[in-house]
Amino acid sequence: MNDSYFPLAVLFALAGVVVLALLFIAQKFGPKSVNPAKSQPFESGNPPKGDARIRFSVRFYLVAMLFLIFDLEVVFLYPWAIYFRQLGLFGLVQMGIFLGILTIGYIYVWRKGALEWD
């Protein structure tokens, strides 16, 4: 084994030992009694109303996907802003195209009414 990788191997081995030790301790000393109140989805003291597994509207997923898309846009904008002067006109055009595509997508979603809550 290469000497430069030995500390990394020791680190992974110790991490594995710690994980196994914690699992053993939790299994050995953890609570063993089953309480029906503990198996309920919420432990607020109020009786549950209905089932915890309800259907979510697709609009929630759409909003989540739009958030991810525009959040990733910020991830790409940050390095561009840092190296703006070194990239010059070529970098400006590339980022303009990138932002233009995102803007067209946002306008499409907006005009389709996907952001409206009925």
N, C-alpha and C. Protein backbone atom coordinates (compact mmCIF):
# COMPACT_ATOMS: atom_id res chain seq x y z
N MET A 1 0.84 -1.17 0.00
CA MET A 1 0.00 0.00 0.00
C MET A 1 0.89 1.24 0.00
N ASN A 2 0.48 2.21 -0.76
CA ASN A 2 1.21 3.45 -0.84
C ASN A 2 1.16 4.16 0.52
N ASP A 3 2.29 4.72 0.95
CA ASP A 3 2.36 5.36 2.27
C ASP A 3 1.44 6.57 2.38
N SER A 4 1.16 7.23 1.28
CA SER A 4 0.31 8.42 1.36
C SER A 4 -1.15 8.06 1.60
N TYR A 5 -1.54 6.82 1.28
CA TYR A 5 -2.92 6.39 1.48
C TYR A 5 -3.13 5.70 2.82
N PHE A 6 -2.08 5.42 3.55
CA PHE A 6 -2.21 4.71 4.82
C PHE A 6 -3.03 5.49 5.85
N PRO A 7 -2.80 6.79 6.05
CA PRO A 7 -3.64 7.52 7.01
C PRO A 7 -5.12 7.54 6.61
N LEU A 8 -5.39 7.58 5.32
CA LEU A 8 -6.77 7.54 4.85
C LEU A 8 -7.41 6.20 5.16
N ALA A 9 -6.66 5.12 4.97
CA ALA A 9 -7.17 3.79 5.28
C ALA A 9 -7.43 3.65 6.78
N VAL A 10 -6.55 4.20 7.60
CA VAL A 10 -6.75 4.15 9.05
C VAL A 10 -8.00 4.94 9.43
N LEU A 11 -8.20 6.09 8.80
CA LEU A 11 -9.38 6.91 9.07
C LEU A 11 -10.66 6.15 8.74
N PHE A 12 -10.71 5.50 7.58
CA PHE A 12 -11.90 4.73 7.20
C PHE A 12 -12.11 3.54 8.13
N ALA A 13 -11.04 2.89 8.53
CA ALA A 13 -11.16 1.75 9.45
C ALA A 13 -11.70 2.21 10.80
N LEU A 14 -11.18 3.31 11.32
CA LEU A 14 -11.68 3.83 12.59
C LEU A 14 -13.14 4.28 12.48
N ALA A 15 -13.51 4.87 11.37
CA ALA A 15 -14.90 5.27 11.17
C ALA A 15 -15.81 4.05 11.17
N GLY A 16 -15.39 2.98 10.52
CA GLY A 16 -16.17 1.74 10.52
C GLY A 16 -16.30 1.14 11.90
N VAL A 17 -15.21 1.16 12.67
CA VAL A 17 -15.25 0.63 14.03
C VAL A 17 -16.20 1.45 14.90
N VAL A 18 -16.16 2.77 14.76
CA VAL A 18 -17.05 3.63 15.55
C VAL A 18 -18.51 3.36 15.19
N VAL A 19 -18.80 3.22 13.91
CA VAL A 19 -20.18 2.95 13.49
C VAL A 19 -20.66 1.62 14.05
N LEU A 20 -19.84 0.59 13.94
CA LEU A 20 -20.23 -0.72 14.47
C LEU A 20 -20.39 -0.69 15.98
N ALA A 21 -19.52 0.03 16.67
CA ALA A 21 -19.62 0.12 18.13
C ALA A 21 -20.91 0.84 18.54
N LEU A 22 -21.25 1.91 17.85
CA LEU A 22 -22.48 2.64 18.18
C LEU A 22 -23.72 1.80 17.89
N LEU A 23 -23.71 1.05 16.80
CA LEU A 23 -24.83 0.16 16.52
C LEU A 23 -24.97 -0.92 17.58
N PHE A 24 -23.86 -1.48 18.02
CA PHE A 24 -23.89 -2.51 19.06
C PHE A 24 -24.41 -1.94 20.38
N ILE A 25 -23.94 -0.76 20.75
CA ILE A 25 -24.38 -0.13 22.01
C ILE A 25 -25.87 0.19 21.95
N ALA A 26 -26.35 0.69 20.83
CA ALA A 26 -27.77 1.01 20.70
C ALA A 26 -28.62 -0.25 20.78
N GLN A 27 -28.15 -1.33 20.17
CA GLN A 27 -28.89 -2.60 20.20
C GLN A 27 -28.89 -3.20 21.60
N LYS A 28 -27.77 -3.11 22.28
CA LYS A 28 -27.62 -3.74 23.59
C LYS A 28 -28.34 -2.96 24.69
N PHE A 29 -28.20 -1.65 24.70
CA PHE A 29 -28.71 -0.84 25.81
C PHE A 29 -29.94 -0.01 25.46
N GLY A 30 -30.41 -0.08 24.25
CA GLY A 30 -31.56 0.72 23.83
C GLY A 30 -32.86 0.20 24.41
N PRO A 31 -33.94 0.98 24.31
CA PRO A 31 -35.23 0.54 24.84
C PRO A 31 -35.77 -0.65 24.06
N LYS A 32 -36.36 -1.58 24.79
CA LYS A 32 -36.85 -2.79 24.15
C LYS A 32 -38.37 -2.90 24.18
N SER A 33 -39.04 -2.02 24.92
CA SER A 33 -40.49 -2.09 25.01
C SER A 33 -41.13 -1.38 23.83
N VAL A 34 -42.22 -1.96 23.34
CA VAL A 34 -42.95 -1.37 22.23
C VAL A 34 -44.18 -0.67 22.80
N ASN A 35 -44.30 0.60 22.53
CA ASN A 35 -45.41 1.39 23.02
C ASN A 35 -46.26 1.81 21.83
N PRO A 36 -47.58 1.58 21.86
CA PRO A 36 -48.39 1.96 20.70
C PRO A 36 -48.36 3.46 20.41
N ALA A 37 -48.17 4.27 21.44
CA ALA A 37 -48.10 5.71 21.21
C ALA A 37 -46.82 6.09 20.46
N LYS A 38 -45.76 5.32 20.66
CA LYS A 38 -44.49 5.62 19.98
C LYS A 38 -44.55 5.29 18.50
N SER A 39 -45.42 4.36 18.11
CA SER A 39 -45.47 3.96 16.71
C SER A 39 -46.40 4.86 15.89
N GLN A 40 -47.06 5.82 16.53
CA GLN A 40 -47.91 6.75 15.79
C GLN A 40 -47.04 7.78 15.08
N PRO A 41 -47.54 8.32 13.97
CA PRO A 41 -46.73 9.28 13.21
C PRO A 41 -46.38 10.54 13.99
N PHE A 42 -47.27 11.00 14.87
CA PHE A 42 -47.02 12.22 15.63
C PHE A 42 -47.23 11.94 17.10
N GLU A 43 -46.38 12.48 17.93
CA GLU A 43 -46.48 12.29 19.37
C GLU A 43 -46.85 13.61 20.05
N SER A 44 -47.86 14.27 19.56
CA SER A 44 -48.22 15.58 20.10
C SER A 44 -49.19 15.48 21.26
N GLY A 45 -49.74 14.31 21.52
CA GLY A 45 -50.73 14.17 22.57
C GLY A 45 -52.14 14.27 22.04
N ASN A 46 -52.31 14.77 20.84
CA ASN A 46 -53.63 14.85 20.24
C ASN A 46 -53.92 13.56 19.49
N PRO A 47 -55.17 13.11 19.51
CA PRO A 47 -55.48 11.89 18.75
C PRO A 47 -55.31 12.15 17.25
N PRO A 48 -54.76 11.19 16.53
CA PRO A 48 -54.54 11.40 15.09
C PRO A 48 -55.87 11.45 14.34
N LYS A 49 -55.90 12.30 13.32
CA LYS A 49 -57.09 12.43 12.48
C LYS A 49 -56.75 11.92 11.09
N GLY A 50 -57.30 10.82 10.72
CA GLY A 50 -57.07 10.28 9.39
C GLY A 50 -55.73 9.57 9.29
N ASP A 51 -55.34 9.29 8.06
CA ASP A 51 -54.10 8.57 7.79
C ASP A 51 -52.96 9.56 7.57
N ALA A 52 -51.77 9.18 7.98
CA ALA A 52 -50.61 10.06 7.79
C ALA A 52 -50.15 10.08 6.34
N ARG A 53 -50.51 9.06 5.60
CA ARG A 53 -50.09 8.99 4.19
C ARG A 53 -51.20 9.54 3.31
N ILE A 54 -51.11 10.81 3.01
CA ILE A 54 -52.09 11.43 2.13
C ILE A 54 -51.42 11.79 0.82
N ARG A 55 -52.22 12.00 -0.20
CA ARG A 55 -51.68 12.37 -1.49
C ARG A 55 -51.35 13.86 -1.51
N PHE A 56 -50.21 14.15 -2.07
CA PHE A 56 -49.81 15.54 -2.24
C PHE A 56 -50.14 15.98 -3.66
N SER A 57 -50.44 17.24 -3.79
CA SER A 57 -50.71 17.78 -5.10
C SER A 57 -49.41 17.80 -5.92
N VAL A 58 -49.56 17.61 -7.21
CA VAL A 58 -48.40 17.63 -8.10
C VAL A 58 -47.76 19.01 -8.11
N ARG A 59 -48.51 20.02 -7.77
CA ARG A 59 -47.98 21.39 -7.76
C ARG A 59 -46.84 21.55 -6.76
N PHE A 60 -46.89 20.81 -5.66
CA PHE A 60 -45.80 20.88 -4.70
C PHE A 60 -44.50 20.37 -5.32
N TYR A 61 -44.60 19.29 -6.10
CA TYR A 61 -43.41 18.75 -6.76
C TYR A 61 -42.90 19.72 -7.82
N LEU A 62 -43.82 20.38 -8.52
CA LEU A 62 -43.42 21.34 -9.53
C LEU A 62 -42.67 22.51 -8.89
N VAL A 63 -43.19 23.00 -7.78
CA VAL A 63 -42.51 24.10 -7.09
C VAL A 63 -41.14 23.64 -6.60
N ALA A 64 -41.05 22.41 -6.10
CA ALA A 64 -39.76 21.89 -5.64
C ALA A 64 -38.77 21.78 -6.80
N MET A 65 -39.23 21.31 -7.95
CA MET A 65 -38.33 21.20 -9.10
C MET A 65 -37.89 22.57 -9.59
N LEU A 66 -38.81 23.53 -9.61
CA LEU A 66 -38.42 24.88 -10.01
C LEU A 66 -37.43 25.48 -9.04
N PHE A 67 -37.63 25.22 -7.75
CA PHE A 67 -36.67 25.71 -6.77
C PHE A 67 -35.29 25.11 -7.03
N LEU A 68 -35.22 23.81 -7.30
CA LEU A 68 -33.93 23.17 -7.56
C LEU A 68 -33.27 23.75 -8.81
N ILE A 69 -34.06 23.96 -9.84
CA ILE A 69 -33.49 24.50 -11.09
C ILE A 69 -32.90 25.89 -10.85
N PHE A 70 -33.64 26.76 -10.18
CA PHE A 70 -33.15 28.12 -9.98
C PHE A 70 -32.11 28.18 -8.87
N ASP A 71 -32.10 27.21 -7.98
CA ASP A 71 -31.03 27.13 -7.00
C ASP A 71 -29.72 26.72 -7.67
N LEU A 72 -29.81 25.79 -8.61
CA LEU A 72 -28.61 25.39 -9.36
C LEU A 72 -28.13 26.53 -10.25
N GLU A 73 -29.05 27.36 -10.69
CA GLU A 73 -28.64 28.52 -11.47
C GLU A 73 -27.70 29.41 -10.66
N VAL A 74 -28.00 29.58 -9.40
CA VAL A 74 -27.14 30.39 -8.54
C VAL A 74 -25.78 29.73 -8.38
N VAL A 75 -25.77 28.40 -8.32
CA VAL A 75 -24.50 27.68 -8.21
C VAL A 75 -23.62 27.94 -9.43
N PHE A 76 -24.23 28.05 -10.60
CA PHE A 76 -23.45 28.34 -11.80
C PHE A 76 -23.11 29.82 -11.93
N LEU A 77 -23.94 30.68 -11.37
CA LEU A 77 -23.67 32.11 -11.45
C LEU A 77 -22.52 32.55 -10.56
N TYR A 78 -22.35 31.90 -9.44
CA TYR A 78 -21.32 32.33 -8.49
C TYR A 78 -19.91 32.24 -9.08
N PRO A 79 -19.48 31.08 -9.65
CA PRO A 79 -18.13 31.05 -10.23
C PRO A 79 -17.99 32.01 -11.42
N TRP A 80 -19.06 32.18 -12.16
CA TRP A 80 -19.01 33.12 -13.28
C TRP A 80 -18.76 34.53 -12.76
N ALA A 81 -19.42 34.90 -11.68
CA ALA A 81 -19.23 36.24 -11.12
C ALA A 81 -17.82 36.43 -10.58
N ILE A 82 -17.23 35.36 -10.05
CA ILE A 82 -15.87 35.45 -9.52
C ILE A 82 -14.86 35.67 -10.65
N TYR A 83 -15.02 34.96 -11.77
CA TYR A 83 -14.07 35.03 -12.88
C TYR A 83 -14.59 35.89 -14.03
N PHE A 84 -15.44 36.84 -13.73
CA PHE A 84 -16.06 37.65 -14.78
C PHE A 84 -15.03 38.39 -15.62
N ARG A 85 -14.05 39.01 -15.00
CA ARG A 85 -13.06 39.79 -15.75
C ARG A 85 -12.16 38.90 -16.61
N GLN A 86 -11.81 37.71 -16.13
CA GLN A 86 -10.94 36.84 -16.91
C GLN A 86 -11.67 36.21 -18.10
N LEU A 87 -12.98 36.01 -17.98
CA LEU A 87 -13.72 35.35 -19.06
C LEU A 87 -13.97 36.28 -20.23
N GLY A 88 -14.11 37.54 -19.96
CA GLY A 88 -14.30 38.52 -21.03
C GLY A 88 -15.66 38.41 -21.70
N LEU A 89 -15.69 38.81 -22.97
CA LEU A 89 -16.94 38.85 -23.72
C LEU A 89 -17.49 37.44 -23.95
N PHE A 90 -16.62 36.47 -24.16
CA PHE A 90 -17.06 35.10 -24.40
C PHE A 90 -17.85 34.56 -23.21
N GLY A 91 -17.34 34.79 -22.00
CA GLY A 91 -18.05 34.35 -20.80
C GLY A 91 -19.36 35.07 -20.61
N LEU A 92 -19.39 36.36 -20.97
CA LEU A 92 -20.62 37.13 -20.86
C LEU A 92 -21.69 36.59 -21.81
N VAL A 93 -21.30 36.24 -23.03
CA VAL A 93 -22.25 35.69 -24.00
C VAL A 93 -22.75 34.33 -23.53
N GLN A 94 -21.85 33.49 -23.04
CA GLN A 94 -22.27 32.17 -22.54
C GLN A 94 -23.27 32.30 -21.40
N MET A 95 -23.00 33.17 -20.45
CA MET A 95 -23.91 33.33 -19.32
C MET A 95 -25.22 33.97 -19.77
N GLY A 96 -25.16 34.84 -20.76
CA GLY A 96 -26.39 35.41 -21.30
C GLY A 96 -27.27 34.36 -21.95
N ILE A 97 -26.65 33.44 -22.69
CA ILE A 97 -27.41 32.33 -23.29
C ILE A 97 -28.00 31.45 -22.20
N PHE A 98 -27.22 31.14 -21.18
CA PHE A 98 -27.69 30.31 -20.07
C PHE A 98 -28.88 30.96 -19.37
N LEU A 99 -28.76 32.24 -19.04
CA LEU A 99 -29.86 32.95 -18.38
C LEU A 99 -31.05 33.12 -19.32
N GLY A 100 -30.80 33.27 -20.60
CA GLY A 100 -31.90 33.37 -21.57
C GLY A 100 -32.71 32.09 -21.63
N ILE A 101 -32.03 30.94 -21.65
CA ILE A 101 -32.74 29.65 -21.66
C ILE A 101 -33.57 29.49 -20.40
N LEU A 102 -33.00 29.84 -19.25
CA LEU A 102 -33.76 29.75 -18.00
C LEU A 102 -34.94 30.71 -17.99
N THR A 103 -34.76 31.90 -18.54
CA THR A 103 -35.86 32.87 -18.58
C THR A 103 -36.98 32.38 -19.50
N ILE A 104 -36.63 31.81 -20.63
CA ILE A 104 -37.64 31.26 -21.54
C ILE A 104 -38.41 30.13 -20.85
N GLY A 105 -37.70 29.27 -20.13
CA GLY A 105 -38.37 28.20 -19.39
C GLY A 105 -39.30 28.73 -18.31
N TYR A 106 -38.87 29.77 -17.61
CA TYR A 106 -39.70 30.36 -16.56
C TYR A 106 -40.95 31.00 -17.17
N ILE A 107 -40.79 31.71 -18.27
CA ILE A 107 -41.95 32.33 -18.93
C ILE A 107 -42.91 31.26 -19.42
N TYR A 108 -42.39 30.15 -19.94
CA TYR A 108 -43.25 29.05 -20.39
C TYR A 108 -44.07 28.49 -19.24
N VAL A 109 -43.42 28.24 -18.11
CA VAL A 109 -44.12 27.70 -16.94
C VAL A 109 -45.15 28.71 -16.44
N TRP A 110 -44.80 29.96 -16.46
CA TRP A 110 -45.70 31.01 -15.97
C TRP A 110 -46.93 31.13 -16.88
N ARG A 111 -46.72 31.10 -18.19
CA ARG A 111 -47.85 31.22 -19.13
C ARG A 111 -48.74 29.99 -19.14
N LYS A 112 -48.18 28.83 -18.85
CA LYS A 112 -49.00 27.61 -18.77
C LYS A 112 -49.86 27.60 -17.51
N GLY A 113 -49.59 28.50 -16.58
CA GLY A 113 -50.37 28.58 -15.35
C GLY A 113 -49.93 27.59 -14.30
N ALA A 114 -48.73 27.07 -14.43
CA ALA A 114 -48.26 26.07 -13.48
C ALA A 114 -47.96 26.67 -12.12
N LEU A 115 -47.79 27.98 -12.05
CA LEU A 115 -47.49 28.62 -10.77
C LEU A 115 -48.74 29.15 -10.08
N GLU A 116 -49.90 28.98 -10.69
CA GLU A 116 -51.17 29.43 -10.11
C GLU A 116 -51.73 28.36 -9.19
N TRP A 117 -52.20 28.78 -8.03
CA TRP A 117 -52.82 27.85 -7.07
C TRP A 117 -54.32 28.03 -7.15
N ASP A 118 -55.01 27.02 -7.66
CA ASP A 118 -56.47 27.11 -7.81
C ASP A 118 -57.18 26.66 -6.57
